[in-house]
Amino acid sequence: MADDIIAVYKEIYDVVIPDLDYYIRQIDCRDGCPVNTDPRGYMLALHAGNFLEGYKIARGPNPFASICGMICGAPCESTCRRDRVDKTLTIR
């Protein structure tokens, strides 16, 4: 009897834990970047004072990060979901 009740509750309240790809897809700014740089990741690293780690994150998918940083039109800013709270973060 108890097993039947537990089975019913498991069926009703089944908890699905998304995989890592789901969480990565929630980072809209990364999708906005044509070279898939993680602006959120390097901004968090810079905010924490970890400049080398921030540089590594920015440079990871893009060997020309320093050059692109000067000419980039910042498409990540237009897809930034922070504007749903207050305003979009700027990368420069």
PDB file of N, CA and C in Angstrom:
ATOM      1  N   MET A   1       0.824  -1.194   0.000  1.00  0.00           N
ATOM      2  CA  MET A   1       0.000   0.000   0.000  1.00  0.00           C
ATOM      3  C   MET A   1       0.870   1.259   0.000  1.00  0.00           C
ATOM      4  N   ALA A   2       1.844   1.296   0.901  1.00  0.00           N
ATOM      5  CA  ALA A   2       2.719   2.471   0.971  1.00  0.00           C
ATOM      6  C   ALA A   2       3.504   2.640  -0.325  1.00  0.00           C
ATOM      7  N   ASP A   3       3.909   1.525  -0.923  1.00  0.00           N
ATOM      8  CA  ASP A   3       4.641   1.604  -2.188  1.00  0.00           C
ATOM      9  C   ASP A   3       3.773   2.190  -3.296  1.00  0.00           C
ATOM     10  N   ASP A   4       2.481   1.866  -3.278  1.00  0.00           N
ATOM     11  CA  ASP A   4       1.566   2.422  -4.277  1.00  0.00           C
ATOM     12  C   ASP A   4       1.427   3.930  -4.112  1.00  0.00           C
ATOM     13  N   ILE A   5       1.337   4.379  -2.878  1.00  0.00           N
ATOM     14  CA  ILE A   5       1.210   5.817  -2.607  1.00  0.00           C
ATOM     15  C   ILE A   5       2.481   6.540  -3.046  1.00  0.00           C
ATOM     16  N   ILE A   6       3.623   5.968  -2.724  1.00  0.00           N
ATOM     17  CA  ILE A   6       4.897   6.576  -3.123  1.00  0.00           C
ATOM     18  C   ILE A   6       4.995   6.633  -4.647  1.00  0.00           C
ATOM     19  N   ALA A   7       4.569   5.582  -5.321  1.00  0.00           N
ATOM     20  CA  ALA A   7       4.612   5.556  -6.788  1.00  0.00           C
ATOM     21  C   ALA A   7       3.737   6.655  -7.381  1.00  0.00           C
ATOM     22  N   VAL A   8       2.561   6.871  -6.788  1.00  0.00           N
ATOM     23  CA  VAL A   8       1.665   7.927  -7.270  1.00  0.00           C
ATOM     24  C   VAL A   8       2.310   9.290  -7.076  1.00  0.00           C
ATOM     25  N   TYR A   9       2.877   9.527  -5.906  1.00  0.00           N
ATOM     26  CA  TYR A   9       3.535  10.814  -5.653  1.00  0.00           C
ATOM     27  C   TYR A   9       4.728  11.031  -6.579  1.00  0.00           C
ATOM     28  N   LYS A  10       5.482   9.991  -6.841  1.00  0.00           N
ATOM     29  CA  LYS A  10       6.616  10.125  -7.757  1.00  0.00           C
ATOM     30  C   LYS A  10       6.143  10.493  -9.154  1.00  0.00           C
ATOM     31  N   GLU A  11       5.010   9.917  -9.548  1.00  0.00           N
ATOM     32  CA  GLU A  11       4.472  10.224 -10.871  1.00  0.00           C
ATOM     33  C   GLU A  11       3.964  11.665 -10.942  1.00  0.00           C
ATOM     34  N   ILE A  12       3.297  12.123  -9.892  1.00  0.00           N
ATOM     35  CA  ILE A  12       2.739  13.482  -9.871  1.00  0.00           C
ATOM     36  C   ILE A  12       3.838  14.520  -9.719  1.00  0.00           C
ATOM     37  N   TYR A  13       4.755  14.269  -8.816  1.00  0.00           N
ATOM     38  CA  TYR A  13       5.777  15.255  -8.473  1.00  0.00           C
ATOM     39  C   TYR A  13       7.150  14.893  -9.022  1.00  0.00           C
ATOM     40  N   ASP A  14       7.171  14.320 -10.187  1.00  0.00           N
ATOM     41  CA  ASP A  14       8.431  13.925 -10.794  1.00  0.00           C
ATOM     42  C   ASP A  14       9.298  15.162 -11.044  1.00  0.00           C
ATOM     43  N   VAL A  15      10.485  15.151 -10.509  1.00  0.00           N
ATOM     44  CA  VAL A  15      11.407  16.272 -10.660  1.00  0.00           C
ATOM     45  C   VAL A  15      12.425  15.915 -11.736  1.00  0.00           C
ATOM     46  N   VAL A  16      12.483  16.758 -12.736  1.00  0.00           N
ATOM     47  CA  VAL A  16      13.433  16.551 -13.819  1.00  0.00           C
ATOM     48  C   VAL A  16      14.554  17.566 -13.657  1.00  0.00           C
ATOM     49  N   ILE A  17      15.758  17.087 -13.549  1.00  0.00           N
ATOM     50  CA  ILE A  17      16.917  17.968 -13.423  1.00  0.00           C
ATOM     51  C   ILE A  17      17.520  18.130 -14.815  1.00  0.00           C
ATOM     52  N   PRO A  18      17.491  19.358 -15.337  1.00  0.00           N
ATOM     53  CA  PRO A  18      18.016  19.571 -16.693  1.00  0.00           C
ATOM     54  C   PRO A  18      19.512  19.292 -16.776  1.00  0.00           C
ATOM     55  N   ASP A  19      19.943  18.962 -17.974  1.00  0.00           N
ATOM     56  CA  ASP A  19      21.369  18.728 -18.187  1.00  0.00           C
ATOM     57  C   ASP A  19      22.100  20.063 -18.346  1.00  0.00           C
ATOM     58  N   LEU A  20      23.399  20.005 -18.429  1.00  0.00           N
ATOM     59  CA  LEU A  20      24.229  21.207 -18.508  1.00  0.00           C
ATOM     60  C   LEU A  20      23.913  22.048 -19.742  1.00  0.00           C
ATOM     61  N   ASP A  21      23.580  21.402 -20.840  1.00  0.00           N
ATOM     62  CA  ASP A  21      23.258  22.146 -22.065  1.00  0.00           C
ATOM     63  C   ASP A  21      22.069  23.079 -21.866  1.00  0.00           C
ATOM     64  N   TYR A  22      21.100  22.659 -21.071  1.00  0.00           N
ATOM     65  CA  TYR A  22      19.946  23.518 -20.792  1.00  0.00           C
ATOM     66  C   TYR A  22      20.403  24.812 -20.130  1.00  0.00           C
ATOM     67  N   TYR A  23      21.262  24.695 -19.140  1.00  0.00           N
ATOM     68  CA  TYR A  23      21.729  25.887 -18.433  1.00  0.00           C
ATOM     69  C   TYR A  23      22.596  26.765 -19.328  1.00  0.00           C
ATOM     70  N   ILE A  24      23.384  26.164 -20.168  1.00  0.00           N
ATOM     71  CA  ILE A  24      24.213  26.935 -21.099  1.00  0.00           C
ATOM     72  C   ILE A  24      23.332  27.703 -22.074  1.00  0.00           C
ATOM     73  N   ARG A  25      22.230  27.095 -22.517  1.00  0.00           N
ATOM     74  CA  ARG A  25      21.322  27.787 -23.434  1.00  0.00           C
ATOM     75  C   ARG A  25      20.625  28.970 -22.765  1.00  0.00           C
ATOM     76  N   GLN A  26      20.599  29.013 -21.445  1.00  0.00           N
ATOM     77  CA  GLN A  26      19.961  30.121 -20.739  1.00  0.00           C
ATOM     78  C   GLN A  26      20.844  31.364 -20.698  1.00  0.00           C
ATOM     79  N   ILE A  27      22.093  31.234 -21.099  1.00  0.00           N
ATOM     80  CA  ILE A  27      23.001  32.380 -21.129  1.00  0.00           C
ATOM     81  C   ILE A  27      22.848  33.034 -22.499  1.00  0.00           C
ATOM     82  N   ASP A  28      21.907  33.959 -22.590  1.00  0.00           N
ATOM     83  CA  ASP A  28      21.554  34.566 -23.872  1.00  0.00           C
ATOM     84  C   ASP A  28      22.709  35.327 -24.502  1.00  0.00           C
ATOM     85  N   CYS A  29      23.531  35.977 -23.684  1.00  0.00           N
ATOM     86  CA  CYS A  29      24.609  36.789 -24.244  1.00  0.00           C
ATOM     87  C   CYS A  29      25.615  35.927 -24.996  1.00  0.00           C
ATOM     88  N   ARG A  30      25.822  34.717 -24.551  1.00  0.00           N
ATOM     89  CA  ARG A  30      26.750  33.828 -25.263  1.00  0.00           C
ATOM     90  C   ARG A  30      26.189  33.487 -26.638  1.00  0.00           C
ATOM     91  N   ASP A  31      24.876  33.304 -26.721  1.00  0.00           N
ATOM     92  CA  ASP A  31      24.259  33.035 -28.017  1.00  0.00           C
ATOM     93  C   ASP A  31      24.350  34.244 -28.940  1.00  0.00           C
ATOM     94  N   GLY A  32      24.381  35.443 -28.365  1.00  0.00           N
ATOM     95  CA  GLY A  32      24.475  36.654 -29.169  1.00  0.00           C
ATOM     96  C   GLY A  32      25.859  36.895 -29.726  1.00  0.00           C
ATOM     97  N   CYS A  33      26.863  36.278 -29.134  1.00  0.00           N
ATOM     98  CA  CYS A  33      28.243  36.481 -29.574  1.00  0.00           C
ATOM     99  C   CYS A  33      28.552  35.565 -30.756  1.00  0.00           C
ATOM    100  N   PRO A  34      28.999  36.130 -31.885  1.00  0.00           N
ATOM    101  CA  PRO A  34      29.292  35.291 -33.050  1.00  0.00           C
ATOM    102  C   PRO A  34      30.434  34.300 -32.840  1.00  0.00           C
ATOM    103  N   VAL A  35      31.325  34.559 -31.878  1.00  0.00           N
ATOM    104  CA  VAL A  35      32.432  33.629 -31.629  1.00  0.00           C
ATOM    105  C   VAL A  35      32.230  32.825 -30.345  1.00  0.00           C
ATOM    106  N   ASN A  36      31.021  32.897 -29.769  1.00  0.00           N
ATOM    107  CA  ASN A  36      30.641  32.133 -28.570  1.00  0.00           C
ATOM    108  C   ASN A  36      31.489  32.437 -27.348  1.00  0.00           C
ATOM    109  N   THR A  37      31.929  33.670 -27.215  1.00  0.00           N
ATOM    110  CA  THR A  37      32.613  34.087 -25.992  1.00  0.00           C
ATOM    111  C   THR A  37      31.582  34.118 -24.870  1.00  0.00           C
ATOM    112  N   ASP A  38      32.007  33.859 -23.660  1.00  0.00           N
ATOM    113  CA  ASP A  38      31.115  33.876 -22.500  1.00  0.00           C
ATOM    114  C   ASP A  38      31.267  35.211 -21.772  1.00  0.00           C
ATOM    115  N   PRO A  39      30.537  36.256 -22.189  1.00  0.00           N
ATOM    116  CA  PRO A  39      30.689  37.560 -21.544  1.00  0.00           C
ATOM    117  C   PRO A  39      30.335  37.518 -20.064  1.00  0.00           C
ATOM    118  N   ARG A  40      29.331  36.744 -19.719  1.00  0.00           N
ATOM    119  CA  ARG A  40      28.932  36.621 -18.317  1.00  0.00           C
ATOM    120  C   ARG A  40      30.079  36.055 -17.491  1.00  0.00           C
ATOM    121  N   GLY A  41      30.731  35.030 -18.011  1.00  0.00           N
ATOM    122  CA  GLY A  41      31.825  34.395 -17.286  1.00  0.00           C
ATOM    123  C   GLY A  41      32.998  35.314 -17.067  1.00  0.00           C
ATOM    124  N   TYR A  42      33.417  36.032 -18.115  1.00  0.00           N
ATOM    125  CA  TYR A  42      34.593  36.882 -17.917  1.00  0.00           C
ATOM    126  C   TYR A  42      34.251  38.131 -17.125  1.00  0.00           C
ATOM    127  N   MET A  43      33.014  38.608 -17.204  1.00  0.00           N
ATOM    128  CA  MET A  43      32.638  39.760 -16.375  1.00  0.00           C
ATOM    129  C   MET A  43      32.589  39.377 -14.893  1.00  0.00           C
ATOM    130  N   LEU A  44      32.122  38.178 -14.598  1.00  0.00           N
ATOM    131  CA  LEU A  44      32.136  37.705 -13.208  1.00  0.00           C
ATOM    132  C   LEU A  44      33.566  37.566 -12.699  1.00  0.00           C
ATOM    133  N   ALA A  45      34.450  37.045 -13.540  1.00  0.00           N
ATOM    134  CA  ALA A  45      35.854  36.899 -13.143  1.00  0.00           C
ATOM    135  C   ALA A  45      36.491  38.265 -12.906  1.00  0.00           C
ATOM    136  N   LEU A  46      36.238  39.219 -13.795  1.00  0.00           N
ATOM    137  CA  LEU A  46      36.794  40.566 -13.621  1.00  0.00           C
ATOM    138  C   LEU A  46      36.242  41.230 -12.369  1.00  0.00           C
ATOM    139  N   HIS A  47      34.954  41.056 -12.118  1.00  0.00           N
ATOM    140  CA  HIS A  47      34.338  41.636 -10.923  1.00  0.00           C
ATOM    141  C   HIS A  47      34.969  41.076  -9.645  1.00  0.00           C
ATOM    142  N   ALA A  48      35.337  39.804  -9.695  1.00  0.00           N
ATOM    143  CA  ALA A  48      35.976  39.168  -8.539  1.00  0.00           C
ATOM    144  C   ALA A  48      37.452  39.531  -8.436  1.00  0.00           C
ATOM    145  N   GLY A  49      37.968  40.300  -9.408  1.00  0.00           N
ATOM    146  CA  GLY A  49      39.371  40.696  -9.378  1.00  0.00           C
ATOM    147  C   GLY A  49      40.306  39.677  -9.991  1.00  0.00           C
ATOM    148  N   ASN A  50      39.749  38.660 -10.614  1.00  0.00           N
ATOM    149  CA  ASN A  50      40.564  37.609 -11.219  1.00  0.00           C
ATOM    150  C   ASN A  50      40.744  37.920 -12.710  1.00  0.00           C
ATOM    151  N   PHE A  51      41.649  38.847 -12.995  1.00  0.00           N
ATOM    152  CA  PHE A  51      41.825  39.352 -14.350  1.00  0.00           C
ATOM    153  C   PHE A  51      42.391  38.307 -15.307  1.00  0.00           C
ATOM    154  N   LEU A  52      43.299  37.489 -14.837  1.00  0.00           N
ATOM    155  CA  LEU A  52      43.869  36.452 -15.695  1.00  0.00           C
ATOM    156  C   LEU A  52      42.799  35.441 -16.100  1.00  0.00           C
ATOM    157  N   GLU A  53      41.975  35.043 -15.159  1.00  0.00           N
ATOM    158  CA  GLU A  53      40.895  34.102 -15.469  1.00  0.00           C
ATOM    159  C   GLU A  53      39.906  34.725 -16.456  1.00  0.00           C
ATOM    160  N   GLY A  54      39.588  36.002 -16.268  1.00  0.00           N
ATOM    161  CA  GLY A  54      38.708  36.702 -17.198  1.00  0.00           C
ATOM    162  C   GLY A  54      39.279  36.725 -18.601  1.00  0.00           C
ATOM    163  N   TYR A  55      40.570  36.975 -18.694  1.00  0.00           N
ATOM    164  CA  TYR A  55      41.237  36.975 -19.999  1.00  0.00           C
ATOM    165  C   TYR A  55      41.176  35.589 -20.635  1.00  0.00           C
ATOM    166  N   LYS A  56      41.412  34.552 -19.830  1.00  0.00           N
ATOM    167  CA  LYS A  56      41.376  33.185 -20.358  1.00  0.00           C
ATOM    168  C   LYS A  56      39.981  32.821 -20.858  1.00  0.00           C
ATOM    169  N   ILE A  57      38.952  33.251 -20.140  1.00  0.00           N
ATOM    170  CA  ILE A  57      37.576  32.966 -20.565  1.00  0.00           C
ATOM    171  C   ILE A  57      37.280  33.678 -21.881  1.00  0.00           C
ATOM    172  N   ALA A  58      37.685  34.945 -21.984  1.00  0.00           N
ATOM    173  CA  ALA A  58      37.431  35.716 -23.201  1.00  0.00           C
ATOM    174  C   ALA A  58      38.225  35.166 -24.380  1.00  0.00           C
ATOM    175  N   ARG A  59      39.415  34.709 -24.111  1.00  0.00           N
ATOM    176  CA  ARG A  59      40.296  34.243 -25.187  1.00  0.00           C
ATOM    177  C   ARG A  59      40.027  32.795 -25.573  1.00  0.00           C
ATOM    178  N   GLY A  60      39.394  32.040 -24.696  1.00  0.00           N
ATOM    179  CA  GLY A  60      39.169  30.612 -24.951  1.00  0.00           C
ATOM    180  C   GLY A  60      38.633  30.290 -26.336  1.00  0.00           C
ATOM    181  N   PRO A  61      37.465  30.805 -26.706  1.00  0.00           N
ATOM    182  CA  PRO A  61      36.925  30.481 -28.028  1.00  0.00           C
ATOM    183  C   PRO A  61      37.445  31.389 -29.138  1.00  0.00           C
ATOM    184  N   ASN A  62      38.197  32.430 -28.775  1.00  0.00           N
ATOM    185  CA  ASN A  62      38.586  33.439 -29.754  1.00  0.00           C
ATOM    186  C   ASN A  62      40.047  33.844 -29.555  1.00  0.00           C
ATOM    187  N   PRO A  63      40.951  33.362 -30.379  1.00  0.00           N
ATOM    188  CA  PRO A  63      42.364  33.718 -30.210  1.00  0.00           C
ATOM    189  C   PRO A  63      42.654  35.195 -30.493  1.00  0.00           C
ATOM    190  N   PHE A  64      41.704  35.896 -31.085  1.00  0.00           N
ATOM    191  CA  PHE A  64      41.888  37.313 -31.394  1.00  0.00           C
ATOM    192  C   PHE A  64      41.036  38.194 -30.481  1.00  0.00           C
ATOM    193  N   ALA A  65      40.878  37.794 -29.240  1.00  0.00           N
ATOM    194  CA  ALA A  65      39.998  38.508 -28.309  1.00  0.00           C
ATOM    195  C   ALA A  65      40.400  39.966 -28.132  1.00  0.00           C
ATOM    196  N   SER A  66      41.679  40.256 -28.063  1.00  0.00           N
ATOM    197  CA  SER A  66      42.131  41.640 -27.861  1.00  0.00           C
ATOM    198  C   SER A  66      41.760  42.523 -29.046  1.00  0.00           C
ATOM    199  N   ILE A  67      41.921  42.011 -30.241  1.00  0.00           N
ATOM    200  CA  ILE A  67      41.577  42.779 -31.443  1.00  0.00           C
ATOM    201  C   ILE A  67      40.066  42.908 -31.568  1.00  0.00           C
ATOM    202  N   CYS A  68      39.358  41.804 -31.394  1.00  0.00           N
ATOM    203  CA  CYS A  68      37.902  41.833 -31.522  1.00  0.00           C
ATOM    204  C   CYS A  68      37.268  42.739 -30.474  1.00  0.00           C
ATOM    205  N   GLY A  69      37.889  42.830 -29.313  1.00  0.00           N
ATOM    206  CA  GLY A  69      37.363  43.707 -28.270  1.00  0.00           C
ATOM    207  C   GLY A  69      37.323  45.161 -28.684  1.00  0.00           C
ATOM    208  N   MET A  70      38.201  45.544 -29.596  1.00  0.00           N
ATOM    209  CA  MET A  70      38.235  46.937 -30.064  1.00  0.00           C
ATOM    210  C   MET A  70      37.218  47.207 -31.169  1.00  0.00           C
ATOM    211  N   ILE A  71      36.928  46.213 -31.984  1.00  0.00           N
ATOM    212  CA  ILE A  71      36.043  46.444 -33.128  1.00  0.00           C
ATOM    213  C   ILE A  71      34.677  45.777 -32.981  1.00  0.00           C
ATOM    214  N   CYS A  72      34.472  45.058 -31.908  1.00  0.00           N
ATOM    215  CA  CYS A  72      33.231  44.308 -31.715  1.00  0.00           C
ATOM    216  C   CYS A  72      32.041  45.253 -31.562  1.00  0.00           C
ATOM    217  N   GLY A  73      30.954  44.925 -32.221  1.00  0.00           N
ATOM    218  CA  GLY A  73      29.721  45.697 -32.106  1.00  0.00           C
ATOM    219  C   GLY A  73      28.906  45.320 -30.883  1.00  0.00           C
ATOM    220  N   ALA A  74      29.411  44.411 -30.073  1.00  0.00           N
ATOM    221  CA  ALA A  74      28.795  43.958 -28.819  1.00  0.00           C
ATOM    222  C   ALA A  74      27.371  43.433 -29.005  1.00  0.00           C
ATOM    223  N   PRO A  75      27.175  42.440 -29.882  1.00  0.00           N
ATOM    224  CA  PRO A  75      25.833  41.874 -30.027  1.00  0.00           C
ATOM    225  C   PRO A  75      25.352  41.171 -28.760  1.00  0.00           C
ATOM    226  N   CYS A  76      26.278  40.835 -27.871  1.00  0.00           N
ATOM    227  CA  CYS A  76      25.882  40.207 -26.609  1.00  0.00           C
ATOM    228  C   CYS A  76      25.040  41.161 -25.765  1.00  0.00           C
ATOM    229  N   GLU A  77      25.285  42.457 -25.892  1.00  0.00           N
ATOM    230  CA  GLU A  77      24.532  43.433 -25.103  1.00  0.00           C
ATOM    231  C   GLU A  77      23.065  43.469 -25.513  1.00  0.00           C
ATOM    232  N   SER A  78      22.791  43.286 -26.798  1.00  0.00           N
ATOM    233  CA  SER A  78      21.394  43.329 -27.242  1.00  0.00           C
ATOM    234  C   SER A  78      20.627  42.076 -26.838  1.00  0.00           C
ATOM    235  N   THR A  79      21.339  40.989 -26.533  1.00  0.00           N
ATOM    236  CA  THR A  79      20.668  39.765 -26.091  1.00  0.00           C
ATOM    237  C   THR A  79      20.765  39.565 -24.588  1.00  0.00           C
ATOM    238  N   CYS A  80      21.392  40.494 -23.883  1.00  0.00           N
ATOM    239  CA  CYS A  80      21.573  40.381 -22.431  1.00  0.00           C
ATOM    240  C   CYS A  80      20.218  40.348 -21.727  1.00  0.00           C
ATOM    241  N   ARG A  81      20.000  39.350 -20.898  1.00  0.00           N
ATOM    242  CA  ARG A  81      18.717  39.234 -20.213  1.00  0.00           C
ATOM    243  C   ARG A  81      18.638  40.098 -18.964  1.00  0.00           C
ATOM    244  N   ARG A  82      19.712  40.783 -18.636  1.00  0.00           N
ATOM    245  CA  ARG A  82      19.709  41.670 -17.475  1.00  0.00           C
ATOM    246  C   ARG A  82      18.719  42.823 -17.667  1.00  0.00           C
ATOM    247  N   ASP A  83      18.413  43.162 -18.928  1.00  0.00           N
ATOM    248  CA  ASP A  83      17.473  44.255 -19.160  1.00  0.00           C
ATOM    249  C   ASP A  83      16.063  43.914 -18.692  1.00  0.00           C
ATOM    250  N   ARG A  84      15.812  42.663 -18.379  1.00  0.00           N
ATOM    251  CA  ARG A  84      14.517  42.278 -17.806  1.00  0.00           C
ATOM    252  C   ARG A  84      14.417  42.699 -16.344  1.00  0.00           C
ATOM    253  N   VAL A  85      15.568  42.993 -15.738  1.00  0.00           N
ATOM    254  CA  VAL A  85      15.610  43.408 -14.336  1.00  0.00           C
ATOM    255  C   VAL A  85      15.779  44.916 -14.231  1.00  0.00           C
ATOM    256  N   ASP A  86      16.819  45.454 -14.850  1.00  0.00           N
ATOM    257  CA  ASP A  86      17.028  46.905 -14.847  1.00  0.00           C
ATOM    258  C   ASP A  86      17.587  47.378 -16.185  1.00  0.00           C
ATOM    259  N   LYS A  87      18.876  47.192 -16.433  1.00  0.00           N
ATOM    260  CA  LYS A  87      19.421  47.576 -17.738  1.00  0.00           C
ATOM    261  C   LYS A  87      20.526  46.611 -18.142  1.00  0.00           C
ATOM    262  N   THR A  88      20.768  46.563 -19.431  1.00  0.00           N
ATOM    263  CA  THR A  88      21.778  45.675 -19.997  1.00  0.00           C
ATOM    264  C   THR A  88      23.167  46.052 -19.500  1.00  0.00           C
ATOM    265  N   LEU A  89      23.974  45.044 -19.230  1.00  0.00           N
ATOM    266  CA  LEU A  89      25.363  45.289 -18.854  1.00  0.00           C
ATOM    267  C   LEU A  89      26.168  45.618 -20.102  1.00  0.00           C
ATOM    268  N   THR A  90      27.129  46.498 -19.950  1.00  0.00           N
ATOM    269  CA  THR A  90      28.006  46.822 -21.074  1.00  0.00           C
ATOM    270  C   THR A  90      29.340  46.107 -20.882  1.00  0.00           C
ATOM    271  N   ILE A  91      29.942  45.686 -21.974  1.00  0.00           N
ATOM    272  CA  ILE A  91      31.183  44.915 -21.868  1.00  0.00           C
ATOM    273  C   ILE A  91      32.422  45.782 -21.922  1.00  0.00           C
ATOM    274  N   ARG A  92      32.278  47.045 -22.173  1.00  0.00           N
ATOM    275  CA  ARG A  92      33.443  47.939 -22.212  1.00  0.00           C
ATOM    276  C   ARG A  92      33.356  48.949 -21.106  1.00  0.00           C
TER     277      ARG A  92
END
